[in-house]
Amino acid sequence: MIGLGTYAYFWQHAEGLSLAGAFEDTRAQGVELFQICDYAPLEEMTAPQLRDAARAARDNGLSIELGTKGIAPDRLARFLDLAEIFDARLVRSMLYTPGSRPTLEEATALLRAAIRSYESAGVELALETYEQVPTRDLLGVIDAVGSDALGICLDPANVVAQLESPRECVEQTAHAVKNVHVKDFAFARQDGWVGFTYSGARMGEGLHDYDHLLRVVDPRARGINEVVEHWLPWQTDAVTTIRNERDWTRATLEHLRSTP
């Protein structure tokens, strides 16, 4: 299933768009999945507010996925509780948070302790590929835990900062993918020819060979959701930035819908 997420509404949220407003816009674009990922207000909501948000998702015909950072027991337990409220079947996370960097052995132990509750609840936990943990190490932790409920949230754009190849990341992780983050990316020469900026690109105009990902991972045949997000830099003013953000979303949805 194709979905949108909070990172597709990054600048719109920054300018005041509510979660319910994002739900309504998602539905208006004919999308039936929304990933609430790294959305800080979620963790400040009261129990009634959470129930209202879950009801708003249902009223808009949306399935929900959740996303957080970190694998501390209280963090994973909290998001499993949130998954129950939203009837979410997947939680995306990362091994590290700004205040916590467990060793690979510690991460394995933490995940082994937490994953049984996820299994019992029928919720998958997807760890994102990103620059702070080499892909082979992340896969090593997942293999050591050995649970069908634990896998990869594939975002090949992130691993470039680890000097990894996005294509190789796709190929390494394909067997373990539970979720895909969809965005294009590119390098641009800085003024003065003194380096490059690595940032987002309008889908189909950057370096991401998404057709390769579709062939290798085969997410649609495997029932793996593809969630749209962006790395859109600020565009001098809010009106221009939000206009481009919405255009990038439309372009990405069109690209995904046009590929088998």
C-alpha atoms as a PDB file:
ATOM      1  CA  MET A   1       0.000   0.000   0.000  1.00  0.00           C
ATOM      2  CA  ILE A   2       1.183   3.516  -0.784  1.00  0.00           C
ATOM      3  CA  GLY A   3       1.121   5.897   2.166  1.00  0.00           C
ATOM      4  CA  LEU A   4       1.968   9.407   3.257  1.00  0.00           C
ATOM      5  CA  GLY A   5       3.680  10.310   6.500  1.00  0.00           C
ATOM      6  CA  THR A   6       4.499  13.247   8.697  1.00  0.00           C
ATOM      7  CA  TYR A   7       7.785  13.800   6.836  1.00  0.00           C
ATOM      8  CA  ALA A   8       5.730  14.475   3.685  1.00  0.00           C
ATOM      9  CA  TYR A   9       4.053  17.283   5.672  1.00  0.00           C
ATOM     10  CA  PHE A  10       7.192  18.497   7.457  1.00  0.00           C
ATOM     11  CA  TRP A  11       6.904  22.180   6.555  1.00  0.00           C
ATOM     12  CA  GLN A  12       3.104  22.167   6.631  1.00  0.00           C
ATOM     13  CA  HIS A  13       3.206  20.840  10.197  1.00  0.00           C
ATOM     14  CA  ALA A  14       5.824  23.468  11.055  1.00  0.00           C
ATOM     15  CA  GLU A  15       3.414  26.136   9.804  1.00  0.00           C
ATOM     16  CA  GLY A  16       0.535  24.842  11.917  1.00  0.00           C
ATOM     17  CA  LEU A  17      -1.104  21.964  10.074  1.00  0.00           C
ATOM     18  CA  SER A  18      -2.638  19.583  12.606  1.00  0.00           C
ATOM     19  CA  LEU A  19      -2.438  15.807  12.508  1.00  0.00           C
ATOM     20  CA  ALA A  20      -6.159  15.680  11.728  1.00  0.00           C
ATOM     21  CA  GLY A  21      -5.579  18.126   8.894  1.00  0.00           C
ATOM     22  CA  ALA A  22      -2.871  15.870   7.466  1.00  0.00           C
ATOM     23  CA  PHE A  23      -5.275  12.923   7.706  1.00  0.00           C
ATOM     24  CA  GLU A  24      -7.910  14.838   5.751  1.00  0.00           C
ATOM     25  CA  ASP A  25      -5.411  15.882   3.092  1.00  0.00           C
ATOM     26  CA  THR A  26      -4.089  12.328   2.797  1.00  0.00           C
ATOM     27  CA  ARG A  27      -7.558  11.003   2.169  1.00  0.00           C
ATOM     28  CA  ALA A  28      -8.272  13.797  -0.325  1.00  0.00           C
ATOM     29  CA  GLN A  29      -5.303  12.555  -2.358  1.00  0.00           C
ATOM     30  CA  GLY A  30      -6.748   9.058  -2.508  1.00  0.00           C
ATOM     31  CA  VAL A  31      -4.248   7.573  -0.050  1.00  0.00           C
ATOM     32  CA  GLU A  32      -5.359   5.165   2.672  1.00  0.00           C
ATOM     33  CA  LEU A  33      -2.215   4.866   4.829  1.00  0.00           C
ATOM     34  CA  PHE A  34      -0.533   7.419   7.086  1.00  0.00           C
ATOM     35  CA  GLN A  35       2.679   6.977   9.087  1.00  0.00           C
ATOM     36  CA  ILE A  36       2.922   9.190  12.182  1.00  0.00           C
ATOM     37  CA  CYS A  37       6.708   9.237  12.397  1.00  0.00           C
ATOM     38  CA  ASP A  38       8.857  11.355  14.743  1.00  0.00           C
ATOM     39  CA  TYR A  39       5.876  13.627  15.306  1.00  0.00           C
ATOM     40  CA  ALA A  40       6.650  15.280  18.641  1.00  0.00           C
ATOM     41  CA  PRO A  41       3.082  16.429  19.512  1.00  0.00           C
ATOM     42  CA  LEU A  42       1.955  12.790  19.565  1.00  0.00           C
ATOM     43  CA  GLU A  43       3.843  12.195  22.785  1.00  0.00           C
ATOM     44  CA  GLU A  44       2.290  15.224  24.454  1.00  0.00           C
ATOM     45  CA  MET A  45      -1.285  14.148  23.749  1.00  0.00           C
ATOM     46  CA  THR A  46      -3.562  13.123  26.582  1.00  0.00           C
ATOM     47  CA  ALA A  47      -5.467   9.846  26.437  1.00  0.00           C
ATOM     48  CA  PRO A  48      -8.650  11.575  25.166  1.00  0.00           C
ATOM     49  CA  GLN A  49      -6.638  13.444  22.538  1.00  0.00           C
ATOM     50  CA  LEU A  50      -5.068  10.184  21.348  1.00  0.00           C
ATOM     51  CA  ARG A  51      -8.486   8.571  21.090  1.00  0.00           C
ATOM     52  CA  ASP A  52      -9.733  11.588  19.113  1.00  0.00           C
ATOM     53  CA  ALA A  53      -6.742  11.326  16.745  1.00  0.00           C
ATOM     54  CA  ALA A  54      -7.343   7.602  16.240  1.00  0.00           C
ATOM     55  CA  ARG A  55     -11.013   8.318  15.550  1.00  0.00           C
ATOM     56  CA  ALA A  56     -10.049  11.002  13.005  1.00  0.00           C
ATOM     57  CA  ALA A  57      -7.867   8.461  11.203  1.00  0.00           C
ATOM     58  CA  ARG A  58     -10.714   5.952  11.115  1.00  0.00           C
ATOM     59  CA  ASP A  59     -13.194   8.592   9.957  1.00  0.00           C
ATOM     60  CA  ASN A  60     -10.882   9.321   7.023  1.00  0.00           C
ATOM     61  CA  GLY A  61     -10.538   5.634   6.202  1.00  0.00           C
ATOM     62  CA  LEU A  62      -6.836   5.567   7.053  1.00  0.00           C
ATOM     63  CA  SER A  63      -4.650   2.775   8.334  1.00  0.00           C
ATOM     64  CA  ILE A  64      -1.950   4.069  10.673  1.00  0.00           C
ATOM     65  CA  GLU A  65       1.698   3.198  11.210  1.00  0.00           C
ATOM     66  CA  LEU A  66       3.849   4.761  13.912  1.00  0.00           C
ATOM     67  CA  GLY A  67       7.468   5.867  14.101  1.00  0.00           C
ATOM     68  CA  THR A  68       9.834   6.718  16.926  1.00  0.00           C
ATOM     69  CA  LYS A  69      13.545   6.616  17.759  1.00  0.00           C
ATOM     70  CA  GLY A  70      15.331   4.372  20.230  1.00  0.00           C
ATOM     71  CA  ILE A  71      14.927   0.870  21.611  1.00  0.00           C
ATOM     72  CA  ALA A  72      14.850   1.457  25.362  1.00  0.00           C
ATOM     73  CA  PRO A  73      12.221  -0.778  27.015  1.00  0.00           C
ATOM     74  CA  ASP A  74       9.959   2.102  28.050  1.00  0.00           C
ATOM     75  CA  ARG A  75      10.142   3.625  24.574  1.00  0.00           C
ATOM     76  CA  LEU A  76       9.150   0.427  22.789  1.00  0.00           C
ATOM     77  CA  ALA A  77       6.468  -0.356  25.361  1.00  0.00           C
ATOM     78  CA  ARG A  78       4.994   3.135  24.990  1.00  0.00           C
ATOM     79  CA  PHE A  79       4.743   2.813  21.225  1.00  0.00           C
ATOM     80  CA  LEU A  80       3.219  -0.618  21.490  1.00  0.00           C
ATOM     81  CA  ASP A  81       0.514   0.979  23.657  1.00  0.00           C
ATOM     82  CA  LEU A  82       0.061   3.692  21.027  1.00  0.00           C
ATOM     83  CA  ALA A  83      -0.148   1.021  18.334  1.00  0.00           C
ATOM     84  CA  GLU A  84      -3.105  -0.487  20.185  1.00  0.00           C
ATOM     85  CA  ILE A  85      -4.881   2.883  20.318  1.00  0.00           C
ATOM     86  CA  PHE A  86      -4.366   3.499  16.590  1.00  0.00           C
ATOM     87  CA  ASP A  87      -4.706  -0.149  15.572  1.00  0.00           C
ATOM     88  CA  ALA A  88      -1.262   0.194  13.972  1.00  0.00           C
ATOM     89  CA  ARG A  89       0.424  -2.938  12.688  1.00  0.00           C
ATOM     90  CA  LEU A  90       3.941  -1.453  12.390  1.00  0.00           C
ATOM     91  CA  VAL A  91       6.264   0.711  14.460  1.00  0.00           C
ATOM     92  CA  ARG A  92       9.410   2.127  12.882  1.00  0.00           C
ATOM     93  CA  SER A  93      12.377   2.913  15.121  1.00  0.00           C
ATOM     94  CA  MET A  94      16.161   3.381  15.184  1.00  0.00           C
ATOM     95  CA  LEU A  95      18.839   1.915  17.421  1.00  0.00           C
ATOM     96  CA  TYR A  96      20.106   5.273  18.660  1.00  0.00           C
ATOM     97  CA  THR A  97      18.651   8.440  20.129  1.00  0.00           C
ATOM     98  CA  PRO A  98      20.635  11.605  20.942  1.00  0.00           C
ATOM     99  CA  GLY A  99      21.039  10.419  24.531  1.00  0.00           C
ATOM    100  CA  SER A 100      21.470   6.694  24.010  1.00  0.00           C
ATOM    101  CA  ARG A 101      23.894   4.704  21.852  1.00  0.00           C
ATOM    102  CA  PRO A 102      23.780   1.048  22.922  1.00  0.00           C
ATOM    103  CA  THR A 103      26.443  -1.310  21.678  1.00  0.00           C
ATOM    104  CA  LEU A 104      25.337  -3.898  19.155  1.00  0.00           C
ATOM    105  CA  GLU A 105      25.304  -6.508  21.930  1.00  0.00           C
ATOM    106  CA  GLU A 106      23.204  -4.246  24.156  1.00  0.00           C
ATOM    107  CA  ALA A 107      20.847  -3.487  21.278  1.00  0.00           C
ATOM    108  CA  THR A 108      20.381  -7.183  20.621  1.00  0.00           C
ATOM    109  CA  ALA A 109      19.539  -7.829  24.264  1.00  0.00           C
ATOM    110  CA  LEU A 110      17.082  -4.918  24.414  1.00  0.00           C
ATOM    111  CA  LEU A 111      15.304  -6.040  21.270  1.00  0.00           C
ATOM    112  CA  ARG A 112      15.118  -9.652  22.400  1.00  0.00           C
ATOM    113  CA  ALA A 113      13.424  -8.495  25.582  1.00  0.00           C
ATOM    114  CA  ALA A 114      10.928  -6.291  23.759  1.00  0.00           C
ATOM    115  CA  ILE A 115      10.063  -8.217  20.636  1.00  0.00           C
ATOM    116  CA  ARG A 116       7.939 -10.918  22.310  1.00  0.00           C
ATOM    117  CA  SER A 117       5.343  -8.314  23.273  1.00  0.00           C
ATOM    118  CA  TYR A 118       5.277  -7.099  19.673  1.00  0.00           C
ATOM    119  CA  GLU A 119       4.850 -10.650  18.418  1.00  0.00           C
ATOM    120  CA  SER A 120       1.957 -11.235  20.810  1.00  0.00           C
ATOM    121  CA  ALA A 121       0.278  -7.997  19.721  1.00  0.00           C
ATOM    122  CA  GLY A 122       0.709  -8.741  16.015  1.00  0.00           C
ATOM    123  CA  VAL A 123       2.808  -5.588  15.523  1.00  0.00           C
ATOM    124  CA  GLU A 124       6.004  -5.463  13.475  1.00  0.00           C
ATOM    125  CA  LEU A 125       9.037  -3.423  14.529  1.00  0.00           C
ATOM    126  CA  ALA A 126      11.047  -2.001  11.623  1.00  0.00           C
ATOM    127  CA  LEU A 127      14.533  -0.568  12.254  1.00  0.00           C
ATOM    128  CA  GLU A 128      15.534   2.109   9.770  1.00  0.00           C
ATOM    129  CA  THR A 129      18.675   2.017   7.667  1.00  0.00           C
ATOM    130  CA  TYR A 130      20.598   5.176   8.425  1.00  0.00           C
ATOM    131  CA  GLU A 131      24.069   6.625   8.642  1.00  0.00           C
ATOM    132  CA  GLN A 132      24.860   5.993  12.305  1.00  0.00           C
ATOM    133  CA  VAL A 133      24.777   2.204  12.007  1.00  0.00           C
ATOM    134  CA  PRO A 134      26.338   0.330   9.072  1.00  0.00           C
ATOM    135  CA  THR A 135      23.743  -1.725   7.255  1.00  0.00           C
ATOM    136  CA  ARG A 136      25.602  -4.977   7.880  1.00  0.00           C
ATOM    137  CA  ASP A 137      25.612  -4.252  11.640  1.00  0.00           C
ATOM    138  CA  LEU A 138      21.903  -3.470  11.667  1.00  0.00           C
ATOM    139  CA  LEU A 139      21.184  -6.707   9.837  1.00  0.00           C
ATOM    140  CA  GLY A 140      23.438  -8.549  12.288  1.00  0.00           C
ATOM    141  CA  VAL A 141      21.340  -7.337  15.214  1.00  0.00           C
ATOM    142  CA  ILE A 142      18.102  -8.335  13.481  1.00  0.00           C
ATOM    143  CA  ASP A 143      19.482 -11.780  12.613  1.00  0.00           C
ATOM    144  CA  ALA A 144      20.703 -12.278  16.195  1.00  0.00           C
ATOM    145  CA  VAL A 145      17.274 -11.460  17.621  1.00  0.00           C
ATOM    146  CA  GLY A 146      15.696 -13.904  15.194  1.00  0.00           C
ATOM    147  CA  SER A 147      12.065 -12.782  15.172  1.00  0.00           C
ATOM    148  CA  ASP A 148       9.719 -12.562  12.208  1.00  0.00           C
ATOM    149  CA  ALA A 149       8.265  -9.440  13.836  1.00  0.00           C
ATOM    150  CA  LEU A 150      11.588  -7.569  13.554  1.00  0.00           C
ATOM    151  CA  GLY A 151      12.950  -6.232  10.284  1.00  0.00           C
ATOM    152  CA  ILE A 152      14.099  -3.262   8.248  1.00  0.00           C
ATOM    153  CA  CYS A 153      12.540   0.084   7.411  1.00  0.00           C
ATOM    154  CA  LEU A 154      14.368   0.642   4.143  1.00  0.00           C
ATOM    155  CA  ASP A 155      15.539   4.190   3.480  1.00  0.00           C
ATOM    156  CA  PRO A 156      18.528   3.916   1.139  1.00  0.00           C
ATOM    157  CA  ALA A 157      18.968   7.706   1.032  1.00  0.00           C
ATOM    158  CA  ASN A 158      20.269   7.733   4.609  1.00  0.00           C
ATOM    159  CA  VAL A 159      23.204   5.371   4.155  1.00  0.00           C
ATOM    160  CA  VAL A 160      25.116   7.634   1.773  1.00  0.00           C
ATOM    161  CA  ALA A 161      26.496   9.480   4.814  1.00  0.00           C
ATOM    162  CA  GLN A 162      28.064   6.139   5.889  1.00  0.00           C
ATOM    163  CA  LEU A 163      29.695   6.019   2.408  1.00  0.00           C
ATOM    164  CA  GLU A 164      27.425   3.122   1.508  1.00  0.00           C
ATOM    165  CA  SER A 165      25.766   2.644  -1.860  1.00  0.00           C
ATOM    166  CA  PRO A 166      21.970   2.974  -1.848  1.00  0.00           C
ATOM    167  CA  ARG A 167      21.691   0.156  -4.400  1.00  0.00           C
ATOM    168  CA  GLU A 168      23.829  -2.138  -2.267  1.00  0.00           C
ATOM    169  CA  CYS A 169      21.769  -1.245   0.802  1.00  0.00           C
ATOM    170  CA  VAL A 170      18.612  -2.262  -1.072  1.00  0.00           C
ATOM    171  CA  GLU A 171      20.175  -5.560  -2.118  1.00  0.00           C
ATOM    172  CA  GLN A 172      21.584  -6.339   1.344  1.00  0.00           C
ATOM    173  CA  THR A 173      18.336  -5.705   3.185  1.00  0.00           C
ATOM    174  CA  ALA A 174      15.725  -6.940   0.698  1.00  0.00           C
ATOM    175  CA  HIS A 175      14.985 -10.185   2.553  1.00  0.00           C
ATOM    176  CA  ALA A 176      14.334  -8.356   5.837  1.00  0.00           C
ATOM    177  CA  VAL A 177      12.342  -5.310   4.687  1.00  0.00           C
ATOM    178  CA  LYS A 178       9.091  -4.567   6.531  1.00  0.00           C
ATOM    179  CA  ASN A 179       8.552  -0.965   5.396  1.00  0.00           C
ATOM    180  CA  VAL A 180       9.897   1.425   2.743  1.00  0.00           C
ATOM    181  CA  HIS A 181      10.461   5.178   2.996  1.00  0.00           C
ATOM    182  CA  VAL A 182      10.095   6.692  -0.465  1.00  0.00           C
ATOM    183  CA  LYS A 183      11.993   9.832  -1.427  1.00  0.00           C
ATOM    184  CA  ASP A 184      14.403  10.904  -4.129  1.00  0.00           C
ATOM    185  CA  PHE A 185      17.772  12.492  -3.391  1.00  0.00           C
ATOM    186  CA  ALA A 186      20.648  14.195  -5.184  1.00  0.00           C
ATOM    187  CA  PHE A 187      23.945  16.018  -4.811  1.00  0.00           C
ATOM    188  CA  ALA A 188      24.256  19.646  -5.877  1.00  0.00           C
ATOM    189  CA  ARG A 189      27.496  21.565  -6.277  1.00  0.00           C
ATOM    190  CA  GLN A 190      27.783  24.423  -3.765  1.00  0.00           C
ATOM    191  CA  ASP A 191      28.488  27.948  -4.881  1.00  0.00           C
ATOM    192  CA  GLY A 192      32.165  28.490  -5.556  1.00  0.00           C
ATOM    193  CA  TRP A 193      32.713  24.807  -6.374  1.00  0.00           C
ATOM    194  CA  VAL A 194      33.800  24.095  -2.803  1.00  0.00           C
ATOM    195  CA  GLY A 195      31.781  20.991  -2.118  1.00  0.00           C
ATOM    196  CA  PHE A 196      28.354  19.446  -2.484  1.00  0.00           C
ATOM    197  CA  THR A 197      24.992  19.589  -0.744  1.00  0.00           C
ATOM    198  CA  TYR A 198      23.221  16.243  -0.375  1.00  0.00           C
ATOM    199  CA  SER A 199      19.499  16.783  -0.139  1.00  0.00           C
ATOM    200  CA  GLY A 200      16.089  15.785  -1.388  1.00  0.00           C
ATOM    201  CA  ALA A 201      14.911  15.926  -4.964  1.00  0.00           C
ATOM    202  CA  ARG A 202      11.554  15.843  -6.701  1.00  0.00           C
ATOM    203  CA  MET A 203      10.731  12.189  -7.352  1.00  0.00           C
ATOM    204  CA  GLY A 204      12.223  11.018 -10.635  1.00  0.00           C
ATOM    205  CA  GLU A 205      14.654  13.949 -10.869  1.00  0.00           C
ATOM    206  CA  GLY A 206      17.314  12.672  -8.468  1.00  0.00           C
ATOM    207  CA  LEU A 207      19.631   9.677  -8.116  1.00  0.00           C
ATOM    208  CA  HIS A 208      17.296   7.118  -6.583  1.00  0.00           C
ATOM    209  CA  ASP A 209      16.753   4.130  -8.863  1.00  0.00           C
ATOM    210  CA  TYR A 210      13.353   3.284  -7.447  1.00  0.00           C
ATOM    211  CA  ASP A 211      12.640   0.777 -10.184  1.00  0.00           C
ATOM    212  CA  HIS A 212      15.631  -1.196  -8.889  1.00  0.00           C
ATOM    213  CA  LEU A 213      14.152  -1.171  -5.387  1.00  0.00           C
ATOM    214  CA  LEU A 214      10.821  -2.402  -6.736  1.00  0.00           C
ATOM    215  CA  ARG A 215      12.504  -5.241  -8.610  1.00  0.00           C
ATOM    216  CA  VAL A 216      14.733  -6.341  -5.738  1.00  0.00           C
ATOM    217  CA  VAL A 217      12.415  -5.874  -2.752  1.00  0.00           C
ATOM    218  CA  ASP A 218       9.109  -6.479  -4.588  1.00  0.00           C
ATOM    219  CA  PRO A 219       7.148  -4.647  -1.875  1.00  0.00           C
ATOM    220  CA  ARG A 220       3.761  -4.849  -3.543  1.00  0.00           C
ATOM    221  CA  ALA A 221       3.766  -8.603  -3.951  1.00  0.00           C
ATOM    222  CA  ARG A 222       4.979  -8.959  -0.357  1.00  0.00           C
ATOM    223  CA  GLY A 223       2.472  -6.532   1.168  1.00  0.00           C
ATOM    224  CA  ILE A 224       5.171  -4.054   2.238  1.00  0.00           C
ATOM    225  CA  ASN A 225       3.943  -0.471   2.540  1.00  0.00           C
ATOM    226  CA  GLU A 226       5.671   2.382   0.706  1.00  0.00           C
ATOM    227  CA  VAL A 227       5.520   5.612   2.709  1.00  0.00           C
ATOM    228  CA  VAL A 228       6.225   8.933   0.987  1.00  0.00           C
ATOM    229  CA  GLU A 229       8.475  11.453   2.711  1.00  0.00           C
ATOM    230  CA  HIS A 230      10.728  14.316   1.600  1.00  0.00           C
ATOM    231  CA  TRP A 231      14.015  16.045   2.298  1.00  0.00           C
ATOM    232  CA  LEU A 232      12.867  19.421   1.062  1.00  0.00           C
ATOM    233  CA  PRO A 233      15.109  22.376   2.021  1.00  0.00           C
ATOM    234  CA  TRP A 234      13.514  25.649   3.051  1.00  0.00           C
ATOM    235  CA  GLN A 235      12.646  27.675  -0.057  1.00  0.00           C
ATOM    236  CA  THR A 236      13.068  31.307   1.126  1.00  0.00           C
ATOM    237  CA  ASP A 237       9.482  31.635   2.435  1.00  0.00           C
ATOM    238  CA  ALA A 238       6.700  29.449   3.818  1.00  0.00           C
ATOM    239  CA  VAL A 239       4.328  29.823   0.880  1.00  0.00           C
ATOM    240  CA  THR A 240       6.939  28.696  -1.652  1.00  0.00           C
ATOM    241  CA  THR A 241       8.216  25.912   0.565  1.00  0.00           C
ATOM    242  CA  ILE A 242       4.758  24.461   1.191  1.00  0.00           C
ATOM    243  CA  ARG A 243       3.817  24.777  -2.469  1.00  0.00           C
ATOM    244  CA  ASN A 244       6.922  22.769  -3.387  1.00  0.00           C
ATOM    245  CA  GLU A 245       6.265  20.244  -0.627  1.00  0.00           C
ATOM    246  CA  ARG A 246       2.802  19.581  -1.974  1.00  0.00           C
ATOM    247  CA  ASP A 247       4.128  19.407  -5.529  1.00  0.00           C
ATOM    248  CA  TRP A 248       6.766  16.850  -4.487  1.00  0.00           C
ATOM    249  CA  THR A 249       4.048  14.772  -2.829  1.00  0.00           C
ATOM    250  CA  ARG A 250       1.907  14.829  -5.970  1.00  0.00           C
ATOM    251  CA  ALA A 251       4.911  13.914  -8.117  1.00  0.00           C
ATOM    252  CA  THR A 252       5.853  11.015  -5.859  1.00  0.00           C
ATOM    253  CA  LEU A 253       2.319   9.648  -5.747  1.00  0.00           C
ATOM    254  CA  GLU A 254       2.085   9.868  -9.531  1.00  0.00           C
ATOM    255  CA  HIS A 255       5.422   8.059  -9.866  1.00  0.00           C
ATOM    256  CA  LEU A 256       4.400   5.273  -7.492  1.00  0.00           C
ATOM    257  CA  ARG A 257       0.992   4.846  -9.078  1.00  0.00           C
ATOM    258  CA  SER A 258       2.502   4.653 -12.556  1.00  0.00           C
ATOM    259  CA  THR A 259       4.894   1.832 -11.709  1.00  0.00           C
ATOM    260  CA  PRO A 260       3.644  -1.766 -11.599  1.00  0.00           C
END
